[in-house]
N, C-alpha and C. Protein backbone atom coordinates (compact mmCIF):
# COMPACT_ATOMS: atom_id res chain seq x y z
N UNK A 1 25.39 -127.48 79.14
CA UNK A 1 25.44 -126.10 78.69
C UNK A 1 26.30 -125.30 79.65
N UNK A 2 27.15 -124.47 79.13
CA UNK A 2 27.96 -123.62 79.97
C UNK A 2 27.26 -122.29 80.17
N UNK A 3 27.58 -121.64 81.25
CA UNK A 3 27.02 -120.32 81.52
C UNK A 3 28.13 -119.29 81.42
N UNK A 4 27.78 -118.03 81.13
CA UNK A 4 28.79 -117.00 80.99
C UNK A 4 29.57 -116.80 82.28
N UNK A 5 30.82 -116.44 82.14
CA UNK A 5 31.67 -116.17 83.28
C UNK A 5 31.66 -114.68 83.59
N UNK A 6 31.66 -114.32 84.86
CA UNK A 6 31.67 -112.94 85.28
C UNK A 6 33.07 -112.53 85.72
N UNK A 7 33.67 -111.64 84.97
CA UNK A 7 34.97 -111.09 85.31
C UNK A 7 34.92 -109.58 85.17
N UNK A 8 33.88 -108.98 85.71
CA UNK A 8 33.65 -107.57 85.50
C UNK A 8 33.74 -106.82 86.82
N UNK A 9 34.53 -105.75 86.84
CA UNK A 9 34.58 -104.89 88.03
C UNK A 9 33.44 -103.89 88.00
N UNK A 10 33.22 -103.27 86.85
CA UNK A 10 32.16 -102.29 86.69
C UNK A 10 31.20 -102.79 85.62
N UNK A 11 30.38 -103.76 85.98
CA UNK A 11 29.52 -104.43 85.01
C UNK A 11 28.61 -103.46 84.26
N UNK A 12 28.07 -102.48 84.95
CA UNK A 12 27.11 -101.59 84.31
C UNK A 12 27.75 -100.74 83.21
N UNK A 13 29.05 -100.50 83.29
CA UNK A 13 29.72 -99.73 82.25
C UNK A 13 29.78 -100.49 80.93
N UNK A 14 29.68 -101.80 80.98
CA UNK A 14 29.83 -102.61 79.78
C UNK A 14 28.53 -103.24 79.32
N UNK A 15 27.41 -102.90 79.93
CA UNK A 15 26.12 -103.51 79.60
C UNK A 15 25.50 -102.81 78.40
N UNK A 16 24.99 -103.62 77.48
CA UNK A 16 24.24 -103.14 76.32
C UNK A 16 22.91 -103.89 76.30
N UNK A 17 21.81 -103.17 76.21
CA UNK A 17 20.49 -103.79 76.16
C UNK A 17 19.88 -103.61 74.78
N UNK A 18 19.13 -104.63 74.34
CA UNK A 18 18.51 -104.56 73.02
C UNK A 18 17.39 -105.58 72.91
N UNK A 19 16.55 -105.42 71.88
CA UNK A 19 15.54 -106.42 71.53
C UNK A 19 16.29 -107.57 70.86
N UNK A 20 15.81 -108.79 71.11
CA UNK A 20 16.51 -109.97 70.61
C UNK A 20 15.48 -111.01 70.18
N UNK A 21 15.83 -111.84 69.22
CA UNK A 21 14.97 -112.95 68.81
C UNK A 21 14.95 -114.00 69.93
N UNK A 22 13.79 -114.54 70.20
CA UNK A 22 13.66 -115.51 71.30
C UNK A 22 14.57 -116.72 71.12
N UNK A 23 14.87 -117.09 69.89
CA UNK A 23 15.74 -118.25 69.63
C UNK A 23 17.16 -118.03 70.13
N UNK A 24 17.55 -116.77 70.33
CA UNK A 24 18.89 -116.47 70.81
C UNK A 24 19.02 -116.56 72.33
N UNK A 25 17.90 -116.61 73.03
CA UNK A 25 17.96 -116.65 74.50
C UNK A 25 18.24 -118.07 74.99
N UNK A 26 19.23 -118.24 75.84
CA UNK A 26 19.50 -119.57 76.39
C UNK A 26 18.36 -120.03 77.32
N UNK A 27 17.82 -121.20 77.05
CA UNK A 27 16.74 -121.72 77.88
C UNK A 27 17.18 -121.80 79.35
N UNK A 28 18.41 -122.19 79.60
CA UNK A 28 18.89 -122.30 80.98
C UNK A 28 18.79 -120.96 81.71
N UNK A 29 19.02 -119.86 81.00
CA UNK A 29 18.88 -118.54 81.62
C UNK A 29 17.43 -118.27 81.98
N UNK A 30 16.51 -118.54 81.06
CA UNK A 30 15.08 -118.31 81.32
C UNK A 30 14.57 -119.19 82.46
N UNK A 31 15.12 -120.38 82.59
CA UNK A 31 14.70 -121.28 83.67
C UNK A 31 15.17 -120.81 85.04
N UNK A 32 16.09 -119.86 85.08
CA UNK A 32 16.50 -119.26 86.35
C UNK A 32 15.31 -118.55 87.01
N UNK A 33 14.42 -117.99 86.18
CA UNK A 33 13.27 -117.25 86.71
C UNK A 33 11.97 -118.04 86.68
N UNK A 34 11.86 -118.98 85.76
CA UNK A 34 10.64 -119.77 85.62
C UNK A 34 11.06 -121.22 85.39
N UNK A 35 10.91 -122.08 86.39
CA UNK A 35 11.44 -123.45 86.28
C UNK A 35 10.64 -124.41 85.40
N UNK A 36 9.56 -123.94 84.78
CA UNK A 36 8.74 -124.83 83.96
C UNK A 36 9.05 -124.59 82.48
N UNK A 37 9.86 -125.47 81.88
CA UNK A 37 10.31 -125.29 80.50
C UNK A 37 9.15 -125.24 79.51
N UNK A 38 8.12 -126.05 79.70
CA UNK A 38 6.99 -126.03 78.77
C UNK A 38 6.24 -124.70 78.83
N UNK A 39 6.12 -124.14 80.02
CA UNK A 39 5.49 -122.83 80.15
C UNK A 39 6.32 -121.78 79.43
N UNK A 40 7.63 -121.81 79.63
CA UNK A 40 8.52 -120.85 78.97
C UNK A 40 8.40 -120.96 77.45
N UNK A 41 8.46 -122.18 76.93
CA UNK A 41 8.34 -122.37 75.48
C UNK A 41 7.01 -121.83 74.95
N UNK A 42 5.95 -122.01 75.71
CA UNK A 42 4.63 -121.55 75.27
C UNK A 42 4.58 -120.02 75.19
N UNK A 43 5.11 -119.33 76.19
CA UNK A 43 5.00 -117.88 76.14
C UNK A 43 6.05 -117.21 75.26
N UNK A 44 7.11 -117.90 74.93
CA UNK A 44 8.12 -117.33 74.03
C UNK A 44 7.57 -117.11 72.62
N UNK A 45 6.59 -117.93 72.23
CA UNK A 45 6.08 -117.89 70.86
C UNK A 45 5.53 -116.52 70.47
N UNK A 46 4.86 -115.84 71.40
CA UNK A 46 4.22 -114.57 71.06
C UNK A 46 4.71 -113.45 71.97
N UNK A 47 6.00 -113.42 72.20
CA UNK A 47 6.57 -112.42 73.10
C UNK A 47 7.65 -111.60 72.41
N UNK A 48 7.91 -110.46 72.99
CA UNK A 48 9.06 -109.65 72.61
C UNK A 48 10.12 -109.91 73.67
N UNK A 49 11.34 -110.17 73.22
CA UNK A 49 12.42 -110.52 74.14
C UNK A 49 13.48 -109.43 74.13
N UNK A 50 14.00 -109.17 75.30
CA UNK A 50 15.05 -108.18 75.48
C UNK A 50 16.21 -108.89 76.16
N UNK A 51 17.42 -108.43 75.88
CA UNK A 51 18.60 -109.02 76.51
C UNK A 51 19.58 -107.94 76.93
N UNK A 52 20.32 -108.25 77.98
CA UNK A 52 21.45 -107.43 78.40
C UNK A 52 22.70 -108.22 78.04
N UNK A 53 23.64 -107.54 77.41
CA UNK A 53 24.87 -108.15 76.94
C UNK A 53 26.05 -107.56 77.72
N UNK A 54 27.02 -108.38 78.02
CA UNK A 54 28.30 -107.95 78.58
C UNK A 54 29.36 -108.89 78.05
N UNK A 55 30.49 -108.37 77.72
CA UNK A 55 31.59 -109.19 77.20
C UNK A 55 31.13 -110.10 76.06
N UNK A 56 30.29 -109.57 75.19
CA UNK A 56 29.79 -110.26 73.99
C UNK A 56 28.98 -111.52 74.32
N UNK A 57 28.33 -111.53 75.48
CA UNK A 57 27.47 -112.66 75.84
C UNK A 57 26.21 -112.13 76.52
N UNK A 58 25.15 -112.90 76.40
CA UNK A 58 23.90 -112.54 77.06
C UNK A 58 24.04 -112.87 78.54
N UNK A 59 23.80 -111.86 79.37
CA UNK A 59 23.91 -112.06 80.82
C UNK A 59 22.56 -111.92 81.53
N UNK A 60 21.55 -111.39 80.81
CA UNK A 60 20.22 -111.22 81.41
C UNK A 60 19.18 -111.18 80.29
N UNK A 61 17.94 -111.53 80.64
CA UNK A 61 16.86 -111.55 79.66
C UNK A 61 15.56 -111.07 80.30
N UNK A 62 14.69 -110.52 79.47
CA UNK A 62 13.36 -110.12 79.89
C UNK A 62 12.40 -110.48 78.76
N UNK A 63 11.33 -111.19 79.08
CA UNK A 63 10.35 -111.64 78.09
C UNK A 63 9.02 -110.96 78.41
N UNK A 64 8.41 -110.35 77.38
CA UNK A 64 7.20 -109.54 77.56
C UNK A 64 6.17 -109.92 76.50
N UNK A 65 4.91 -110.09 76.92
CA UNK A 65 3.82 -110.20 75.95
C UNK A 65 3.19 -108.83 75.80
N UNK A 66 2.81 -108.52 74.58
CA UNK A 66 2.26 -107.20 74.28
C UNK A 66 0.79 -107.34 73.95
N UNK A 67 -0.05 -107.44 74.96
CA UNK A 67 -1.49 -107.56 74.77
C UNK A 67 -2.07 -106.21 74.42
N UNK A 68 -2.97 -106.21 73.49
CA UNK A 68 -3.67 -104.98 73.16
C UNK A 68 -2.81 -103.95 72.47
N UNK A 69 -1.74 -104.37 71.82
CA UNK A 69 -0.90 -103.46 71.06
C UNK A 69 -1.06 -103.81 69.58
N UNK A 70 -0.34 -103.11 68.75
CA UNK A 70 -0.41 -103.39 67.32
C UNK A 70 0.04 -104.82 67.00
N UNK A 71 0.90 -105.37 67.87
CA UNK A 71 1.41 -106.71 67.61
C UNK A 71 0.44 -107.81 68.03
N UNK A 72 -0.43 -107.54 68.98
CA UNK A 72 -1.34 -108.57 69.48
C UNK A 72 -2.65 -107.92 69.94
N UNK A 73 -3.56 -107.67 69.01
CA UNK A 73 -4.82 -107.01 69.37
C UNK A 73 -5.67 -107.88 70.30
N UNK A 74 -6.29 -107.24 71.27
CA UNK A 74 -7.22 -107.92 72.19
C UNK A 74 -8.40 -106.98 72.44
N UNK A 75 -9.23 -107.35 73.38
CA UNK A 75 -10.40 -106.52 73.68
C UNK A 75 -9.98 -105.13 74.16
N UNK A 76 -10.87 -104.18 74.03
CA UNK A 76 -10.60 -102.80 74.41
C UNK A 76 -10.17 -102.69 75.88
N UNK A 77 -10.70 -103.56 76.75
CA UNK A 77 -10.36 -103.47 78.17
C UNK A 77 -8.91 -103.84 78.46
N UNK A 78 -8.27 -104.54 77.54
CA UNK A 78 -6.87 -104.91 77.73
C UNK A 78 -5.93 -104.15 76.79
N UNK A 79 -6.45 -103.14 76.12
CA UNK A 79 -5.65 -102.40 75.14
C UNK A 79 -4.46 -101.74 75.83
N UNK A 80 -3.29 -101.91 75.22
CA UNK A 80 -2.09 -101.26 75.72
C UNK A 80 -1.51 -101.86 76.98
N UNK A 81 -1.83 -103.12 77.26
CA UNK A 81 -1.33 -103.79 78.46
C UNK A 81 -0.28 -104.82 78.06
N UNK A 82 0.88 -104.76 78.70
CA UNK A 82 1.93 -105.75 78.49
C UNK A 82 2.11 -106.52 79.80
N UNK A 83 2.56 -107.75 79.65
CA UNK A 83 2.88 -108.55 80.84
C UNK A 83 4.33 -109.01 80.77
N UNK A 84 5.07 -108.73 81.81
CA UNK A 84 6.43 -109.24 81.93
C UNK A 84 6.32 -110.66 82.46
N UNK A 85 6.82 -111.61 81.69
CA UNK A 85 6.70 -113.02 82.05
C UNK A 85 7.98 -113.59 82.63
N UNK A 86 9.10 -112.96 82.35
CA UNK A 86 10.37 -113.53 82.79
C UNK A 86 11.42 -112.43 82.84
N UNK A 87 12.09 -112.31 83.96
CA UNK A 87 13.28 -111.47 84.10
C UNK A 87 14.33 -112.36 84.74
N UNK A 88 15.42 -112.63 84.01
CA UNK A 88 16.44 -113.56 84.49
C UNK A 88 17.82 -112.95 84.32
N UNK A 89 18.67 -113.23 85.29
CA UNK A 89 20.07 -112.84 85.24
C UNK A 89 20.88 -114.06 85.67
N UNK A 90 21.93 -114.38 84.90
CA UNK A 90 22.78 -115.51 85.32
C UNK A 90 23.24 -115.26 86.75
N UNK A 91 23.26 -116.28 87.62
CA UNK A 91 23.61 -116.08 89.03
C UNK A 91 24.93 -115.33 89.24
N UNK A 92 25.94 -115.62 88.44
CA UNK A 92 27.24 -114.97 88.65
C UNK A 92 27.24 -113.50 88.24
N UNK A 93 26.17 -113.03 87.60
CA UNK A 93 26.05 -111.63 87.20
C UNK A 93 25.04 -110.87 88.06
N UNK A 94 24.43 -111.56 89.02
CA UNK A 94 23.43 -110.92 89.87
C UNK A 94 24.08 -109.98 90.89
N UNK A 95 23.25 -109.12 91.45
CA UNK A 95 23.67 -108.16 92.48
C UNK A 95 24.67 -107.13 91.94
N UNK A 96 24.62 -106.88 90.63
CA UNK A 96 25.48 -105.87 90.02
C UNK A 96 24.67 -104.78 89.32
N UNK A 97 23.34 -104.82 89.45
CA UNK A 97 22.48 -103.82 88.84
C UNK A 97 22.09 -104.12 87.40
N UNK A 98 22.47 -105.28 86.91
CA UNK A 98 22.20 -105.63 85.51
C UNK A 98 20.71 -105.85 85.27
N UNK A 99 20.05 -106.58 86.15
CA UNK A 99 18.61 -106.81 86.01
C UNK A 99 17.83 -105.50 86.05
N UNK A 100 18.23 -104.61 86.94
CA UNK A 100 17.57 -103.30 87.04
C UNK A 100 17.81 -102.49 85.77
N UNK A 101 19.03 -102.50 85.27
CA UNK A 101 19.34 -101.79 84.03
C UNK A 101 18.49 -102.33 82.88
N UNK A 102 18.40 -103.65 82.77
CA UNK A 102 17.60 -104.25 81.69
C UNK A 102 16.13 -103.91 81.85
N UNK A 103 15.59 -104.05 83.05
CA UNK A 103 14.16 -103.79 83.23
C UNK A 103 13.84 -102.31 82.98
N UNK A 104 14.70 -101.41 83.40
CA UNK A 104 14.47 -99.99 83.10
C UNK A 104 14.48 -99.75 81.59
N UNK A 105 15.39 -100.41 80.88
CA UNK A 105 15.43 -100.30 79.43
C UNK A 105 14.11 -100.79 78.83
N UNK A 106 13.63 -101.94 79.29
CA UNK A 106 12.37 -102.50 78.79
C UNK A 106 11.22 -101.53 79.06
N UNK A 107 11.13 -101.01 80.26
CA UNK A 107 10.05 -100.08 80.61
C UNK A 107 10.12 -98.80 79.77
N UNK A 108 11.33 -98.38 79.40
CA UNK A 108 11.48 -97.21 78.52
C UNK A 108 11.05 -97.53 77.09
N UNK A 109 11.24 -98.77 76.65
CA UNK A 109 10.92 -99.17 75.28
C UNK A 109 9.43 -99.46 75.08
N UNK A 110 8.76 -99.96 76.09
CA UNK A 110 7.38 -100.44 75.92
C UNK A 110 6.40 -99.39 75.40
N UNK A 111 6.49 -98.11 75.78
CA UNK A 111 5.56 -97.14 75.18
C UNK A 111 5.68 -97.05 73.65
N UNK A 112 6.83 -97.36 73.10
CA UNK A 112 6.99 -97.37 71.64
C UNK A 112 6.20 -98.49 70.98
N UNK A 113 5.79 -99.47 71.76
CA UNK A 113 4.95 -100.59 71.27
C UNK A 113 3.47 -100.32 71.56
N UNK A 114 3.15 -99.15 72.08
CA UNK A 114 1.77 -98.83 72.41
C UNK A 114 1.35 -99.27 73.80
N UNK A 115 2.30 -99.63 74.64
CA UNK A 115 2.00 -100.12 75.99
C UNK A 115 1.80 -98.93 76.92
N UNK A 116 0.72 -98.98 77.69
CA UNK A 116 0.42 -97.96 78.69
C UNK A 116 0.50 -98.50 80.12
N UNK A 117 0.30 -99.80 80.26
CA UNK A 117 0.29 -100.43 81.58
C UNK A 117 1.07 -101.73 81.49
N UNK A 118 1.87 -102.01 82.52
CA UNK A 118 2.66 -103.23 82.58
C UNK A 118 2.24 -104.02 83.81
N UNK A 119 2.06 -105.32 83.62
CA UNK A 119 1.69 -106.21 84.71
C UNK A 119 2.72 -107.34 84.81
N UNK A 120 2.78 -107.97 85.97
CA UNK A 120 3.63 -109.15 86.16
C UNK A 120 3.15 -109.90 87.39
N UNK A 121 3.62 -111.14 87.51
CA UNK A 121 3.32 -111.95 88.67
C UNK A 121 4.61 -112.37 89.34
N UNK A 122 4.60 -112.42 90.67
CA UNK A 122 5.78 -112.86 91.42
C UNK A 122 5.32 -113.51 92.72
N UNK A 123 6.25 -114.11 93.41
CA UNK A 123 5.93 -114.73 94.69
C UNK A 123 5.56 -113.69 95.73
N UNK A 124 4.99 -114.16 96.83
CA UNK A 124 4.51 -113.24 97.88
C UNK A 124 5.61 -112.81 98.84
N UNK A 125 6.82 -113.32 98.66
CA UNK A 125 7.95 -112.92 99.50
C UNK A 125 9.23 -113.07 98.70
N UNK A 126 10.30 -112.55 99.23
CA UNK A 126 11.60 -112.71 98.59
C UNK A 126 12.09 -111.43 97.93
N UNK A 127 13.32 -111.50 97.43
CA UNK A 127 13.97 -110.32 96.85
C UNK A 127 13.28 -109.82 95.59
N UNK A 128 12.60 -110.69 94.85
CA UNK A 128 11.94 -110.26 93.61
C UNK A 128 10.86 -109.23 93.91
N UNK A 129 10.12 -109.42 94.98
CA UNK A 129 9.03 -108.51 95.33
C UNK A 129 9.58 -107.11 95.59
N UNK A 130 10.62 -106.99 96.40
CA UNK A 130 11.18 -105.67 96.68
C UNK A 130 11.84 -105.07 95.44
N UNK A 131 12.43 -105.91 94.61
CA UNK A 131 13.03 -105.47 93.35
C UNK A 131 11.99 -104.75 92.49
N UNK A 132 10.84 -105.38 92.29
CA UNK A 132 9.80 -104.78 91.46
C UNK A 132 9.21 -103.54 92.12
N UNK A 133 9.02 -103.57 93.43
CA UNK A 133 8.45 -102.41 94.11
C UNK A 133 9.39 -101.21 94.05
N UNK A 134 10.70 -101.44 94.13
CA UNK A 134 11.65 -100.33 94.01
C UNK A 134 11.56 -99.65 92.65
N UNK A 135 11.16 -100.39 91.62
CA UNK A 135 11.03 -99.84 90.28
C UNK A 135 9.67 -99.19 90.04
N UNK A 136 8.78 -99.24 91.03
CA UNK A 136 7.50 -98.55 90.92
C UNK A 136 6.28 -99.43 90.74
N UNK A 137 6.44 -100.75 90.74
CA UNK A 137 5.29 -101.64 90.63
C UNK A 137 4.52 -101.66 91.94
N UNK A 138 3.20 -101.79 91.84
CA UNK A 138 2.32 -101.85 93.00
C UNK A 138 1.51 -103.14 92.95
N UNK A 139 1.15 -103.65 94.11
CA UNK A 139 0.36 -104.88 94.20
C UNK A 139 -1.08 -104.59 93.78
N UNK A 140 -1.61 -105.45 92.88
CA UNK A 140 -2.99 -105.34 92.42
C UNK A 140 -3.88 -106.46 92.97
N UNK A 141 -3.31 -107.67 93.06
CA UNK A 141 -4.14 -108.82 93.43
C UNK A 141 -3.26 -109.96 93.93
N UNK A 142 -3.89 -110.92 94.55
CA UNK A 142 -3.23 -112.16 94.96
C UNK A 142 -3.96 -113.30 94.29
N UNK A 143 -3.21 -114.16 93.59
CA UNK A 143 -3.78 -115.36 93.00
C UNK A 143 -3.43 -116.52 93.92
N UNK A 144 -4.40 -116.95 94.69
CA UNK A 144 -4.19 -118.02 95.67
C UNK A 144 -3.78 -119.33 95.01
N UNK A 145 -2.79 -119.98 95.59
CA UNK A 145 -2.32 -121.31 95.19
C UNK A 145 -1.84 -121.40 93.73
N UNK A 146 -1.49 -120.29 93.13
CA UNK A 146 -1.05 -120.30 91.73
C UNK A 146 0.14 -121.24 91.52
N UNK A 147 1.17 -121.13 92.34
CA UNK A 147 2.38 -121.91 92.11
C UNK A 147 2.18 -123.39 92.42
N UNK A 148 1.33 -123.71 93.36
CA UNK A 148 1.10 -125.12 93.67
C UNK A 148 0.19 -125.77 92.63
N UNK A 149 -0.66 -125.00 91.96
CA UNK A 149 -1.54 -125.55 90.93
C UNK A 149 -0.90 -125.62 89.55
N UNK A 150 0.03 -124.71 89.26
CA UNK A 150 0.54 -124.59 87.89
C UNK A 150 1.98 -125.07 87.69
N UNK A 151 2.63 -125.51 88.74
CA UNK A 151 4.00 -126.00 88.62
C UNK A 151 4.09 -127.39 89.21
N UNK A 152 4.68 -128.33 88.46
CA UNK A 152 4.72 -129.72 88.93
C UNK A 152 5.62 -129.93 90.15
N UNK A 153 6.65 -129.10 90.29
CA UNK A 153 7.56 -129.21 91.43
C UNK A 153 7.39 -127.99 92.32
N UNK A 154 7.55 -128.14 93.63
CA UNK A 154 7.47 -126.97 94.51
C UNK A 154 8.54 -125.93 94.15
N UNK A 155 8.17 -124.66 94.24
CA UNK A 155 9.12 -123.57 94.05
C UNK A 155 9.50 -123.08 95.44
N UNK A 156 10.77 -123.25 95.78
CA UNK A 156 11.26 -122.91 97.12
C UNK A 156 12.18 -121.71 97.05
N UNK A 157 12.10 -120.88 98.08
CA UNK A 157 13.03 -119.77 98.24
C UNK A 157 13.37 -119.69 99.73
N UNK A 158 14.65 -119.77 100.03
CA UNK A 158 15.11 -119.78 101.42
C UNK A 158 14.40 -120.85 102.24
N UNK A 159 14.15 -122.00 101.61
CA UNK A 159 13.53 -123.12 102.30
C UNK A 159 12.02 -123.01 102.48
N UNK A 160 11.41 -121.98 101.94
CA UNK A 160 9.96 -121.76 102.08
C UNK A 160 9.32 -121.93 100.71
N UNK A 161 8.23 -122.68 100.66
CA UNK A 161 7.55 -122.93 99.39
C UNK A 161 6.64 -121.76 99.01
N UNK A 162 6.73 -121.35 97.75
CA UNK A 162 5.81 -120.35 97.22
C UNK A 162 4.48 -121.05 96.90
N UNK A 163 3.39 -120.47 97.34
CA UNK A 163 2.05 -120.96 97.03
C UNK A 163 1.30 -119.94 96.17
N UNK A 164 1.21 -118.71 96.67
CA UNK A 164 0.40 -117.68 96.04
C UNK A 164 1.24 -116.77 95.16
N UNK A 165 0.60 -116.20 94.13
CA UNK A 165 1.26 -115.23 93.26
C UNK A 165 0.69 -113.84 93.54
N UNK A 166 1.57 -112.87 93.69
CA UNK A 166 1.16 -111.48 93.74
C UNK A 166 1.15 -110.94 92.31
N UNK A 167 0.09 -110.26 91.96
CA UNK A 167 0.01 -109.58 90.66
C UNK A 167 0.34 -108.11 90.91
N UNK A 168 1.37 -107.63 90.20
CA UNK A 168 1.83 -106.25 90.33
C UNK A 168 1.61 -105.53 89.01
N UNK A 169 1.51 -104.20 89.08
CA UNK A 169 1.36 -103.42 87.85
C UNK A 169 1.93 -102.03 88.04
N UNK A 170 2.12 -101.37 86.90
CA UNK A 170 2.48 -99.95 86.90
C UNK A 170 1.96 -99.32 85.61
N UNK A 171 1.64 -98.04 85.68
CA UNK A 171 1.25 -97.28 84.51
C UNK A 171 2.49 -96.57 84.02
N UNK A 172 2.74 -96.67 82.71
CA UNK A 172 3.94 -96.07 82.13
C UNK A 172 3.70 -94.62 81.72
N UNK A 173 4.76 -93.86 81.74
CA UNK A 173 4.75 -92.53 81.16
C UNK A 173 4.80 -92.72 79.65
N UNK A 174 3.72 -92.47 78.96
CA UNK A 174 3.62 -92.80 77.54
C UNK A 174 4.03 -91.67 76.62
N UNK A 175 4.62 -90.62 77.16
CA UNK A 175 5.10 -89.52 76.30
C UNK A 175 6.42 -89.94 75.66
N UNK A 176 6.36 -90.41 74.42
CA UNK A 176 7.56 -90.90 73.71
C UNK A 176 8.19 -89.79 72.93
């Protein structure tokens, strides 16, 4: 599979974000953020997918489950809660603000789905943690040994293995 080429000086000027059918998302892109293909396939079934486009190609993706919304009713205690399961940007398009642009778009769209609170899980260190915190997410909990129990291969970043998952959340401004 080939990946999109980056030939953009001002990438953000050419970015378009939209809701997309999960079948249109390249699996290789989603595996950039979550290396377990079976897990990705499982959560794609009942998710809303968003994509960032540049030069007529998908350069970033965000996958969200909508728990407790009109699309997926759950118990009252989880009403209006969405979980971001995957935010991926092709490596050659990273560090250009595309992931931030896409995630801000997603956070702006979620109140239209009845979402009041957004949750996600990430490693306990690395650039992803600061990325989410800059956007307003706060740490809620630590799930000990999550990555070592749920992934068949070690997940490494800068030569360090991820063991625990931080659970982050934010409350959305729901005035649509």
